[in-house]
Amino acid sequence: MAGALKVCKSLPGFRSAPGGQLVQESDVSAPVRGARLVLADLEGVRANMSASWLAQMGWDVWVLDGAQADDFNEVGPSPSPVPEPQGPIAWASPAQLAQAVARIPIAQRYVLTCGSSLLARYAATDLARLTGAEVVVLQGGTLAWIEAGLPLEQGETHLASARTDRYRRPYEGTDNPRGAMQGYLDWEYGLVDQLGRDGTHGFHVI
């Protein structure tokens, strides 16, 4: 039985994004913290609902009113505007770039990479400024490196900074389903207090 391929249309310059996924994985669609988000839909419901949650998470979010069906006429890959690489980088958490530079050997050239190379571009200019060296971004990122069959290292080796840029899920690293579930419940019930201790998330209830 043949299946039909659904083609999603969007407003020019917009990205198509399911509302729930946009809220739960906002760092994927909006990696720049504090950026202004503009949402739109035809029904005037989904965008408002998603905007409400995003506003509670501290985002500067707006809803575009008056969009008509004919306005949704753009198809194809979603636009992913990123800065062009300028200037020289080895990889670390961008928030800890200055500390990471102090821990790695001095070089005349640094190569910066991430999964796709898109996010790496955000750190290239900062690294060039910090080091005065040549900074280049690996074309296609680590995924392109893997597809080319080039050598890889496994595990957390040669880290210039600790992995502190995300919360570890409570069931990671365990093969005990019961213990993992209990760990998840403990984590979920304690999440509000954890966020209160963190103090950097900007989440508030309206």
N, C-alpha and C. Protein backbone atom coordinates (compact mmCIF):
# COMPACT_ATOMS: atom_id res chain seq x y z
N MET A 1 0.86 -1.19 0.00
CA MET A 1 0.00 0.00 0.00
C MET A 1 0.89 1.24 0.00
N ALA A 2 0.72 2.09 -0.96
CA ALA A 2 1.56 3.27 -1.08
C ALA A 2 1.11 4.33 -0.08
N GLY A 3 2.07 5.01 0.51
CA GLY A 3 1.77 6.08 1.44
C GLY A 3 1.90 7.43 0.76
N ALA A 4 1.25 8.42 1.32
CA ALA A 4 1.31 9.78 0.77
C ALA A 4 2.30 10.60 1.58
N LEU A 5 3.09 11.38 0.90
CA LEU A 5 4.06 12.24 1.56
C LEU A 5 3.43 13.61 1.79
N LYS A 6 3.33 13.99 3.05
CA LYS A 6 2.72 15.27 3.38
C LYS A 6 3.75 16.38 3.23
N VAL A 7 3.44 17.39 2.45
CA VAL A 7 4.32 18.53 2.24
C VAL A 7 3.86 19.67 3.14
N CYS A 8 4.70 20.08 4.06
CA CYS A 8 4.36 21.16 4.98
C CYS A 8 4.71 22.50 4.35
N LYS A 9 3.76 23.42 4.40
CA LYS A 9 4.00 24.76 3.89
C LYS A 9 4.12 25.71 5.07
N SER A 10 4.87 26.77 4.87
CA SER A 10 5.07 27.74 5.94
C SER A 10 5.10 29.14 5.36
N LEU A 11 5.06 30.12 6.24
CA LEU A 11 5.24 31.49 5.81
C LEU A 11 6.69 31.69 5.37
N PRO A 12 6.94 32.54 4.39
CA PRO A 12 8.33 32.80 3.98
C PRO A 12 9.19 33.24 5.15
N GLY A 13 10.33 32.57 5.31
CA GLY A 13 11.23 32.90 6.40
C GLY A 13 10.93 32.19 7.70
N PHE A 14 9.78 31.48 7.79
CA PHE A 14 9.39 30.75 8.99
C PHE A 14 9.83 29.30 8.87
N ARG A 15 9.85 28.61 10.01
CA ARG A 15 10.13 27.19 10.05
C ARG A 15 8.90 26.46 10.55
N SER A 16 8.57 25.34 9.92
CA SER A 16 7.45 24.54 10.38
C SER A 16 7.87 23.76 11.62
N ALA A 17 7.06 23.85 12.68
CA ALA A 17 7.43 23.20 13.94
C ALA A 17 6.16 22.80 14.70
N PRO A 18 6.01 21.51 15.07
CA PRO A 18 4.90 21.12 15.94
C PRO A 18 5.00 21.85 17.27
N GLY A 19 3.86 22.36 17.76
CA GLY A 19 3.89 23.18 18.97
C GLY A 19 4.48 22.49 20.17
N GLY A 20 4.08 21.22 20.42
CA GLY A 20 4.59 20.50 21.58
C GLY A 20 6.09 20.29 21.49
N GLN A 21 6.56 19.95 20.30
CA GLN A 21 7.99 19.74 20.11
C GLN A 21 8.75 21.05 20.27
N LEU A 22 8.16 22.15 19.80
CA LEU A 22 8.80 23.45 19.94
C LEU A 22 9.01 23.81 21.40
N VAL A 23 8.03 23.47 22.24
CA VAL A 23 8.14 23.78 23.66
C VAL A 23 9.12 22.84 24.36
N GLN A 24 9.02 21.54 24.07
CA GLN A 24 9.85 20.57 24.77
C GLN A 24 11.31 20.60 24.31
N GLU A 25 11.53 20.98 23.05
CA GLU A 25 12.89 21.01 22.51
C GLU A 25 13.19 22.40 21.95
N SER A 26 12.90 23.42 22.73
CA SER A 26 13.08 24.79 22.25
C SER A 26 14.54 25.08 21.92
N ASP A 27 15.49 24.37 22.58
CA ASP A 27 16.90 24.62 22.30
C ASP A 27 17.29 24.17 20.90
N VAL A 28 16.51 23.25 20.30
CA VAL A 28 16.80 22.79 18.95
C VAL A 28 16.37 23.84 17.92
N SER A 29 15.16 24.39 18.11
CA SER A 29 14.64 25.38 17.16
C SER A 29 15.16 26.78 17.43
N ALA A 30 15.47 27.08 18.68
CA ALA A 30 15.93 28.42 19.04
C ALA A 30 17.14 28.30 19.96
N PRO A 31 18.33 28.03 19.40
CA PRO A 31 19.51 27.79 20.23
C PRO A 31 20.08 29.03 20.90
N VAL A 32 19.61 30.22 20.50
CA VAL A 32 20.10 31.45 21.11
C VAL A 32 19.16 31.85 22.23
N ARG A 33 19.65 31.78 23.44
CA ARG A 33 18.80 32.07 24.59
C ARG A 33 18.38 33.55 24.59
N GLY A 34 17.10 33.78 24.87
CA GLY A 34 16.59 35.15 24.91
C GLY A 34 16.18 35.69 23.56
N ALA A 35 16.28 34.86 22.50
CA ALA A 35 15.89 35.33 21.17
C ALA A 35 14.40 35.59 21.11
N ARG A 36 13.99 36.45 20.18
CA ARG A 36 12.56 36.72 19.99
C ARG A 36 11.98 35.66 19.07
N LEU A 37 10.87 35.06 19.49
CA LEU A 37 10.21 34.02 18.71
C LEU A 37 8.87 34.56 18.20
N VAL A 38 8.58 34.36 16.93
CA VAL A 38 7.32 34.78 16.34
C VAL A 38 6.62 33.53 15.81
N LEU A 39 5.41 33.25 16.28
CA LEU A 39 4.66 32.07 15.89
C LEU A 39 3.43 32.48 15.07
N ALA A 40 3.01 31.56 14.20
CA ALA A 40 1.82 31.83 13.39
C ALA A 40 1.18 30.51 13.00
N ASP A 41 -0.15 30.51 12.92
CA ASP A 41 -0.88 29.39 12.34
C ASP A 41 -2.20 29.93 11.77
N LEU A 42 -2.93 29.08 11.10
CA LEU A 42 -4.16 29.53 10.45
C LEU A 42 -5.35 29.57 11.39
N GLU A 43 -5.35 28.68 12.39
CA GLU A 43 -6.50 28.57 13.28
C GLU A 43 -6.47 29.59 14.42
N GLY A 44 -5.29 30.14 14.70
CA GLY A 44 -5.18 31.07 15.82
C GLY A 44 -5.26 30.40 17.17
N VAL A 45 -4.98 29.09 17.21
CA VAL A 45 -5.07 28.33 18.46
C VAL A 45 -3.72 27.75 18.84
N ARG A 46 -3.12 27.00 17.92
CA ARG A 46 -1.88 26.31 18.24
C ARG A 46 -0.76 27.29 18.56
N ALA A 47 -0.66 28.36 17.77
CA ALA A 47 0.39 29.33 18.01
C ALA A 47 0.23 29.99 19.38
N ASN A 48 -1.03 30.32 19.74
CA ASN A 48 -1.27 30.96 21.03
C ASN A 48 -0.95 30.02 22.18
N MET A 49 -1.33 28.76 22.04
CA MET A 49 -1.05 27.80 23.10
C MET A 49 0.45 27.62 23.30
N SER A 50 1.18 27.43 22.20
CA SER A 50 2.63 27.27 22.29
C SER A 50 3.28 28.54 22.84
N ALA A 51 2.78 29.69 22.41
CA ALA A 51 3.34 30.96 22.88
C ALA A 51 3.15 31.12 24.37
N SER A 52 2.00 30.66 24.90
CA SER A 52 1.77 30.76 26.33
C SER A 52 2.82 29.98 27.12
N TRP A 53 3.11 28.75 26.66
CA TRP A 53 4.11 27.94 27.35
C TRP A 53 5.50 28.55 27.20
N LEU A 54 5.82 29.02 26.02
CA LEU A 54 7.14 29.60 25.80
C LEU A 54 7.32 30.87 26.64
N ALA A 55 6.26 31.65 26.78
CA ALA A 55 6.34 32.85 27.62
C ALA A 55 6.63 32.48 29.07
N GLN A 56 6.01 31.39 29.54
CA GLN A 56 6.27 30.93 30.91
C GLN A 56 7.70 30.44 31.08
N MET A 57 8.32 30.04 29.99
CA MET A 57 9.71 29.59 30.03
C MET A 57 10.70 30.73 29.90
N GLY A 58 10.16 31.96 29.79
CA GLY A 58 11.04 33.12 29.76
C GLY A 58 11.40 33.63 28.38
N TRP A 59 10.75 33.08 27.31
CA TRP A 59 11.06 33.52 25.97
C TRP A 59 10.31 34.82 25.63
N ASP A 60 10.91 35.65 24.80
CA ASP A 60 10.26 36.83 24.25
C ASP A 60 9.49 36.35 23.02
N VAL A 61 8.21 36.05 23.20
CA VAL A 61 7.45 35.37 22.15
C VAL A 61 6.25 36.21 21.71
N TRP A 62 6.00 36.22 20.40
CA TRP A 62 4.90 36.97 19.80
C TRP A 62 4.11 36.05 18.89
N VAL A 63 2.83 36.38 18.67
CA VAL A 63 1.99 35.63 17.75
C VAL A 63 1.56 36.55 16.62
N LEU A 64 1.78 36.11 15.38
CA LEU A 64 1.42 36.89 14.21
C LEU A 64 -0.05 36.68 13.89
N ASP A 65 -0.84 37.74 13.96
CA ASP A 65 -2.28 37.66 13.68
C ASP A 65 -2.55 37.93 12.20
N GLY A 66 -3.66 37.40 11.73
CA GLY A 66 -4.13 37.75 10.39
C GLY A 66 -3.51 36.96 9.26
N ALA A 67 -2.76 35.89 9.55
CA ALA A 67 -2.17 35.09 8.48
C ALA A 67 -3.26 34.35 7.72
N GLN A 68 -3.19 34.35 6.39
CA GLN A 68 -4.16 33.70 5.54
C GLN A 68 -3.54 32.46 4.88
N ALA A 69 -4.41 31.57 4.39
CA ALA A 69 -3.93 30.33 3.79
C ALA A 69 -2.97 30.59 2.64
N ASP A 70 -3.26 31.61 1.84
CA ASP A 70 -2.39 31.91 0.70
C ASP A 70 -1.01 32.38 1.12
N ASP A 71 -0.89 32.86 2.37
CA ASP A 71 0.41 33.32 2.84
C ASP A 71 1.37 32.16 3.10
N PHE A 72 0.80 30.97 3.36
CA PHE A 72 1.62 29.80 3.64
C PHE A 72 1.96 29.13 2.31
N ASN A 73 2.98 29.64 1.65
CA ASN A 73 3.29 29.18 0.30
C ASN A 73 4.74 28.74 0.12
N GLU A 74 5.49 28.67 1.22
CA GLU A 74 6.90 28.29 1.09
C GLU A 74 7.07 26.82 1.44
N VAL A 75 7.75 26.08 0.57
CA VAL A 75 8.03 24.67 0.80
C VAL A 75 9.53 24.45 0.67
N GLY A 76 9.97 23.26 1.06
CA GLY A 76 11.39 22.94 0.98
C GLY A 76 12.05 23.01 2.33
N PRO A 77 13.38 22.89 2.37
CA PRO A 77 14.10 22.89 3.65
C PRO A 77 13.85 24.16 4.43
N SER A 78 13.76 24.01 5.75
CA SER A 78 13.55 25.18 6.61
C SER A 78 14.79 26.06 6.60
N PRO A 79 14.61 27.37 6.61
CA PRO A 79 15.77 28.27 6.66
C PRO A 79 16.49 28.11 7.98
N SER A 80 17.81 28.08 7.94
CA SER A 80 18.62 27.96 9.15
C SER A 80 19.71 29.03 9.12
N PRO A 81 19.34 30.29 9.34
CA PRO A 81 20.34 31.35 9.27
C PRO A 81 21.36 31.22 10.39
N VAL A 82 22.61 31.20 10.03
CA VAL A 82 23.69 31.15 11.00
C VAL A 82 24.79 32.08 10.53
N PRO A 83 25.60 32.59 11.44
CA PRO A 83 26.67 33.49 11.02
C PRO A 83 27.71 32.75 10.20
N GLU A 84 28.27 33.44 9.23
CA GLU A 84 29.36 32.85 8.46
C GLU A 84 30.60 32.76 9.33
N PRO A 85 31.38 31.67 9.21
CA PRO A 85 32.59 31.56 10.02
C PRO A 85 33.58 32.66 9.68
N GLN A 86 34.13 33.29 10.69
CA GLN A 86 35.12 34.33 10.50
C GLN A 86 36.32 34.02 11.37
N GLY A 87 37.37 34.34 10.78
CA GLY A 87 38.57 34.28 11.51
C GLY A 87 39.03 32.89 11.76
N PRO A 88 39.93 31.70 13.80
CA PRO A 88 40.37 30.36 14.13
C PRO A 88 39.78 29.84 15.34
N ILE A 89 39.53 26.77 16.08
CA ILE A 89 38.81 26.49 17.33
C ILE A 89 38.75 24.99 17.56
N ALA A 90 39.07 24.55 18.73
CA ALA A 90 38.82 23.20 19.25
C ALA A 90 37.53 23.27 20.03
N TRP A 91 36.87 22.16 20.27
CA TRP A 91 35.50 22.25 20.74
C TRP A 91 35.37 22.10 22.24
N ALA A 92 34.45 22.91 22.78
CA ALA A 92 34.09 22.87 24.20
C ALA A 92 32.71 23.49 24.31
N SER A 93 32.17 23.53 25.51
CA SER A 93 30.90 24.21 25.71
C SER A 93 31.08 25.70 25.45
N PRO A 94 30.28 26.32 24.57
CA PRO A 94 30.47 27.74 24.25
C PRO A 94 30.42 28.64 25.47
N ALA A 95 29.60 28.27 26.46
CA ALA A 95 29.49 29.11 27.65
C ALA A 95 30.78 29.11 28.47
N GLN A 96 31.63 28.11 28.26
CA GLN A 96 32.88 27.99 29.02
C GLN A 96 34.09 28.11 28.10
N LEU A 97 33.93 28.84 27.02
CA LEU A 97 34.97 28.91 26.00
C LEU A 97 36.27 29.48 26.55
N ALA A 98 36.18 30.58 27.30
CA ALA A 98 37.40 31.20 27.82
C ALA A 98 38.16 30.26 28.74
N GLN A 99 37.43 29.54 29.61
CA GLN A 99 38.09 28.60 30.52
C GLN A 99 38.69 27.43 29.74
N ALA A 100 37.98 26.98 28.70
CA ALA A 100 38.47 25.86 27.91
C ALA A 100 39.75 26.22 27.18
N VAL A 101 39.82 27.43 26.64
CA VAL A 101 41.02 27.86 25.91
C VAL A 101 42.24 27.83 26.82
N ALA A 102 42.04 28.15 28.09
CA ALA A 102 43.16 28.15 29.02
C ALA A 102 43.67 26.75 29.33
N ARG A 103 42.86 25.71 29.02
CA ARG A 103 43.24 24.34 29.36
C ARG A 103 43.84 23.57 28.19
N ILE A 104 43.74 24.09 26.97
CA ILE A 104 44.21 23.35 25.83
C ILE A 104 45.52 23.95 25.31
N PRO A 105 46.32 23.16 24.60
CA PRO A 105 47.61 23.67 24.10
C PRO A 105 47.42 24.85 23.15
N ILE A 106 48.33 25.78 23.19
CA ILE A 106 48.30 26.92 22.27
C ILE A 106 48.62 26.43 20.85
N ALA A 107 47.85 26.92 19.88
CA ALA A 107 48.05 26.50 18.50
C ALA A 107 47.86 27.69 17.57
N GLN A 108 48.34 27.54 16.35
CA GLN A 108 48.17 28.58 15.34
C GLN A 108 46.83 28.44 14.62
N ARG A 109 46.24 27.24 14.67
CA ARG A 109 44.94 27.00 14.04
C ARG A 109 44.10 26.10 14.93
N TYR A 110 42.82 26.45 15.06
CA TYR A 110 41.87 25.62 15.79
C TYR A 110 40.73 25.24 14.85
N VAL A 111 40.25 24.00 14.96
CA VAL A 111 39.14 23.53 14.15
C VAL A 111 37.95 23.30 15.07
N LEU A 112 36.83 23.91 14.72
CA LEU A 112 35.62 23.84 15.54
C LEU A 112 34.59 22.96 14.84
N THR A 113 33.94 22.10 15.59
CA THR A 113 32.91 21.25 15.00
C THR A 113 31.77 21.03 15.99
N CYS A 114 30.64 20.61 15.45
CA CYS A 114 29.50 20.13 16.23
C CYS A 114 28.79 19.13 15.33
N GLY A 115 27.59 18.73 15.64
CA GLY A 115 26.92 17.72 14.84
C GLY A 115 26.84 18.08 13.37
N SER A 116 26.38 19.30 13.07
CA SER A 116 26.17 19.71 11.68
C SER A 116 27.08 20.84 11.23
N SER A 117 27.83 21.42 12.13
CA SER A 117 28.71 22.59 11.93
C SER A 117 27.96 23.91 12.05
N LEU A 118 26.62 23.88 12.15
CA LEU A 118 25.87 25.13 12.21
C LEU A 118 26.07 25.86 13.54
N LEU A 119 25.95 25.13 14.65
CA LEU A 119 26.12 25.78 15.96
C LEU A 119 27.57 26.17 16.20
N ALA A 120 28.50 25.41 15.61
CA ALA A 120 29.91 25.71 15.81
C ALA A 120 30.27 27.11 15.30
N ARG A 121 29.53 27.57 14.31
CA ARG A 121 29.83 28.89 13.75
C ARG A 121 29.63 30.01 14.77
N TYR A 122 28.72 29.78 15.72
CA TYR A 122 28.46 30.81 16.72
C TYR A 122 29.67 31.06 17.62
N ALA A 123 30.51 30.04 17.80
CA ALA A 123 31.65 30.18 18.70
C ALA A 123 32.93 30.56 17.98
N ALA A 124 32.94 30.47 16.64
CA ALA A 124 34.18 30.69 15.90
C ALA A 124 34.74 32.09 16.10
N THR A 125 33.88 33.09 15.99
CA THR A 125 34.35 34.47 16.14
C THR A 125 34.89 34.72 17.54
N ASP A 126 34.20 34.18 18.56
CA ASP A 126 34.66 34.36 19.94
C ASP A 126 36.00 33.71 20.16
N LEU A 127 36.20 32.51 19.61
CA LEU A 127 37.48 31.82 19.80
C LEU A 127 38.61 32.57 19.10
N ALA A 128 38.34 33.09 17.92
CA ALA A 128 39.36 33.87 17.22
C ALA A 128 39.75 35.10 18.04
N ARG A 129 38.76 35.73 18.64
CA ARG A 129 39.05 36.91 19.47
C ARG A 129 39.86 36.54 20.70
N LEU A 130 39.55 35.40 21.30
CA LEU A 130 40.24 34.99 22.52
C LEU A 130 41.68 34.56 22.26
N THR A 131 41.92 33.93 21.12
CA THR A 131 43.23 33.33 20.86
C THR A 131 44.10 34.11 19.89
N GLY A 132 43.48 34.88 19.01
CA GLY A 132 44.24 35.56 17.98
C GLY A 132 44.75 34.61 16.91
N ALA A 133 44.32 33.36 16.95
CA ALA A 133 44.77 32.35 16.00
C ALA A 133 43.76 32.21 14.87
N GLU A 134 44.08 31.36 13.90
CA GLU A 134 43.15 31.07 12.82
C GLU A 134 42.11 30.07 13.32
N VAL A 135 40.85 30.35 13.08
CA VAL A 135 39.77 29.45 13.50
C VAL A 135 38.98 29.05 12.26
N VAL A 136 38.80 27.75 12.07
CA VAL A 136 38.01 27.26 10.94
C VAL A 136 36.94 26.33 11.47
N VAL A 137 35.85 26.20 10.72
CA VAL A 137 34.74 25.32 11.09
C VAL A 137 34.76 24.12 10.16
N LEU A 138 34.67 22.93 10.74
CA LEU A 138 34.67 21.70 9.95
C LEU A 138 33.42 21.65 9.07
N GLN A 139 33.61 21.62 7.75
CA GLN A 139 32.48 21.63 6.82
C GLN A 139 31.63 20.38 6.99
N GLY A 140 30.33 20.58 7.21
CA GLY A 140 29.44 19.44 7.41
C GLY A 140 29.43 18.90 8.81
N GLY A 141 30.32 19.37 9.66
CA GLY A 141 30.35 18.96 11.06
C GLY A 141 30.76 17.51 11.27
N THR A 142 30.53 17.04 12.48
CA THR A 142 30.93 15.69 12.86
C THR A 142 30.17 14.63 12.07
N LEU A 143 28.92 14.91 11.69
CA LEU A 143 28.16 13.94 10.91
C LEU A 143 28.82 13.68 9.56
N ALA A 144 29.31 14.73 8.92
CA ALA A 144 30.00 14.55 7.65
C ALA A 144 31.30 13.77 7.84
N TRP A 145 31.98 14.02 8.96
CA TRP A 145 33.21 13.28 9.29
C TRP A 145 32.92 11.79 9.42
N ILE A 146 31.81 11.47 10.12
CA ILE A 146 31.43 10.07 10.31
C ILE A 146 31.07 9.43 8.98
N GLU A 147 30.29 10.14 8.15
CA GLU A 147 29.88 9.59 6.85
C GLU A 147 31.08 9.33 5.95
N ALA A 148 32.15 10.10 6.13
CA ALA A 148 33.35 9.91 5.32
C ALA A 148 34.20 8.74 5.81
N GLY A 149 33.79 8.13 6.94
CA GLY A 149 34.53 6.99 7.46
C GLY A 149 35.86 7.34 8.09
N LEU A 150 36.00 8.57 8.56
CA LEU A 150 37.26 9.02 9.16
C LEU A 150 37.34 8.57 10.61
N PRO A 151 38.55 8.54 11.19
CA PRO A 151 38.74 7.99 12.55
C PRO A 151 37.93 8.73 13.60
N LEU A 152 37.47 7.98 14.60
CA LEU A 152 36.68 8.54 15.70
C LEU A 152 37.21 8.05 17.03
N GLU A 153 36.96 8.81 18.07
CA GLU A 153 37.21 8.37 19.43
C GLU A 153 35.88 8.14 20.12
N GLN A 154 35.85 7.20 21.04
CA GLN A 154 34.62 6.89 21.77
C GLN A 154 34.73 7.38 23.21
N GLY A 155 33.60 7.80 23.76
CA GLY A 155 33.59 8.23 25.16
C GLY A 155 33.99 9.68 25.32
N GLU A 156 34.04 10.11 26.56
CA GLU A 156 34.34 11.51 26.87
C GLU A 156 35.85 11.67 27.04
N THR A 157 36.54 11.75 25.91
CA THR A 157 37.99 11.87 25.93
C THR A 157 38.41 13.27 25.51
N HIS A 158 39.49 13.74 26.08
CA HIS A 158 40.07 15.03 25.72
C HIS A 158 39.08 16.18 25.83
N LEU A 159 38.25 16.17 26.87
CA LEU A 159 37.30 17.26 27.06
C LEU A 159 38.01 18.49 27.60
N ALA A 160 37.74 19.64 26.98
CA ALA A 160 38.32 20.88 27.48
C ALA A 160 37.46 21.49 28.59
N SER A 161 36.22 21.03 28.69
CA SER A 161 35.35 21.48 29.77
C SER A 161 34.38 20.36 30.10
N ALA A 162 33.93 20.32 31.33
CA ALA A 162 33.00 19.28 31.76
C ALA A 162 31.66 19.45 31.06
N ARG A 163 30.92 18.35 30.92
CA ARG A 163 29.60 18.41 30.28
C ARG A 163 28.57 18.94 31.27
N THR A 164 28.49 20.25 31.36
CA THR A 164 27.56 20.88 32.30
C THR A 164 26.46 21.64 31.59
N ASP A 165 26.33 21.46 30.27
CA ASP A 165 25.37 22.26 29.52
C ASP A 165 24.02 21.57 29.36
N ARG A 166 23.78 20.49 30.08
CA ARG A 166 22.47 19.85 30.03
C ARG A 166 22.26 19.05 31.31
N TYR A 167 20.97 18.82 31.64
CA TYR A 167 20.64 17.95 32.76
C TYR A 167 20.71 16.50 32.31
N ARG A 168 21.33 15.67 33.11
CA ARG A 168 21.40 14.25 32.78
C ARG A 168 20.09 13.58 33.15
N ARG A 169 19.52 12.82 32.22
CA ARG A 169 18.27 12.14 32.50
C ARG A 169 18.49 11.08 33.58
N PRO A 170 17.53 10.89 34.47
CA PRO A 170 17.76 10.02 35.62
C PRO A 170 17.95 8.56 35.26
N TYR A 171 17.49 8.14 34.09
CA TYR A 171 17.62 6.73 33.72
C TYR A 171 18.80 6.46 32.80
N GLU A 172 19.63 7.48 32.54
CA GLU A 172 20.82 7.25 31.71
C GLU A 172 21.84 6.41 32.48
N GLY A 173 22.44 5.47 31.77
CA GLY A 173 23.52 4.68 32.36
C GLY A 173 23.05 3.57 33.26
N THR A 174 21.80 3.13 33.11
CA THR A 174 21.31 2.04 33.96
C THR A 174 20.55 1.04 33.11
N ASP A 175 20.60 -0.23 33.51
CA ASP A 175 19.81 -1.26 32.84
C ASP A 175 18.77 -1.84 33.79
N ASN A 176 18.46 -1.10 34.85
CA ASN A 176 17.48 -1.53 35.84
C ASN A 176 16.18 -0.76 35.60
N PRO A 177 15.19 -1.36 34.89
CA PRO A 177 13.97 -0.63 34.56
C PRO A 177 13.23 -0.08 35.78
N ARG A 178 13.13 -0.90 36.85
CA ARG A 178 12.39 -0.43 38.04
C ARG A 178 13.12 0.73 38.70
N GLY A 179 14.42 0.56 38.85
CA GLY A 179 15.19 1.64 39.45
C GLY A 179 15.19 2.89 38.59
N ALA A 180 15.22 2.67 37.26
CA ALA A 180 15.20 3.81 36.35
C ALA A 180 13.89 4.57 36.45
N MET A 181 12.77 3.84 36.54
CA MET A 181 11.48 4.50 36.66
C MET A 181 11.36 5.27 37.96
N GLN A 182 11.83 4.67 39.06
CA GLN A 182 11.79 5.37 40.33
C GLN A 182 12.67 6.61 40.30
N GLY A 183 13.84 6.46 39.66
CA GLY A 183 14.73 7.60 39.54
C GLY A 183 14.10 8.72 38.74
N TYR A 184 13.35 8.32 37.69
CA TYR A 184 12.67 9.34 36.88
C TYR A 184 11.60 10.07 37.70
N LEU A 185 10.82 9.31 38.48
CA LEU A 185 9.78 9.94 39.30
C LEU A 185 10.39 10.86 40.35
N ASP A 186 11.48 10.42 40.97
CA ASP A 186 12.15 11.28 41.96
C ASP A 186 12.63 12.56 41.31
N TRP A 187 13.19 12.41 40.10
CA TRP A 187 13.68 13.59 39.37
C TRP A 187 12.54 14.53 39.02
N GLU A 188 11.41 13.95 38.57
CA GLU A 188 10.29 14.78 38.15
C GLU A 188 9.67 15.53 39.33
N TYR A 189 9.49 14.82 40.46
CA TYR A 189 8.91 15.48 41.63
C TYR A 189 9.84 16.56 42.20
N GLY A 190 11.13 16.38 42.01
CA GLY A 190 12.09 17.35 42.55
C GLY A 190 12.51 18.41 41.55
N LEU A 191 11.87 18.41 40.35
CA LEU A 191 12.31 19.31 39.30
C LEU A 191 12.12 20.77 39.65
N VAL A 192 10.99 21.10 40.28
CA VAL A 192 10.74 22.51 40.62
C VAL A 192 11.82 23.03 41.56
N ASP A 193 12.14 22.24 42.59
CA ASP A 193 13.19 22.66 43.52
C ASP A 193 14.54 22.74 42.82
N GLN A 194 14.77 21.82 41.88
CA GLN A 194 16.04 21.83 41.15
C GLN A 194 16.17 23.09 40.30
N LEU A 195 15.08 23.46 39.64
CA LEU A 195 15.10 24.67 38.84
C LEU A 195 15.28 25.91 39.72
N GLY A 196 14.69 25.87 40.91
CA GLY A 196 14.86 26.98 41.83
C GLY A 196 16.30 27.14 42.26
N ARG A 197 16.99 26.02 42.47
CA ARG A 197 18.41 26.09 42.84
C ARG A 197 19.27 26.55 41.68
N ASP A 198 18.86 26.17 40.46
CA ASP A 198 19.63 26.51 39.27
C ASP A 198 19.66 28.02 39.07
N GLY A 199 18.47 28.62 39.02
CA GLY A 199 18.38 30.07 38.94
C GLY A 199 18.74 30.69 37.60
N THR A 200 18.93 29.87 36.55
CA THR A 200 19.33 30.45 35.25
C THR A 200 18.32 30.17 34.15
N HIS A 201 17.21 29.52 34.46
CA HIS A 201 16.30 29.05 33.42
C HIS A 201 15.29 30.09 32.97
N GLY A 202 14.89 31.02 33.85
CA GLY A 202 13.92 32.05 33.48
C GLY A 202 12.50 31.58 33.43
N PHE A 203 12.21 30.36 33.90
CA PHE A 203 10.85 29.80 33.85
C PHE A 203 10.02 30.39 34.97
N HIS A 204 8.80 30.83 34.63
CA HIS A 204 7.88 31.30 35.66
C HIS A 204 6.45 31.01 35.21
N VAL A 205 5.56 30.88 36.15
CA VAL A 205 4.17 30.54 35.88
C VAL A 205 3.35 31.81 35.78
N ILE A 206 2.51 31.89 34.69
CA ILE A 206 1.67 33.08 34.53
C ILE A 206 0.20 32.65 34.54
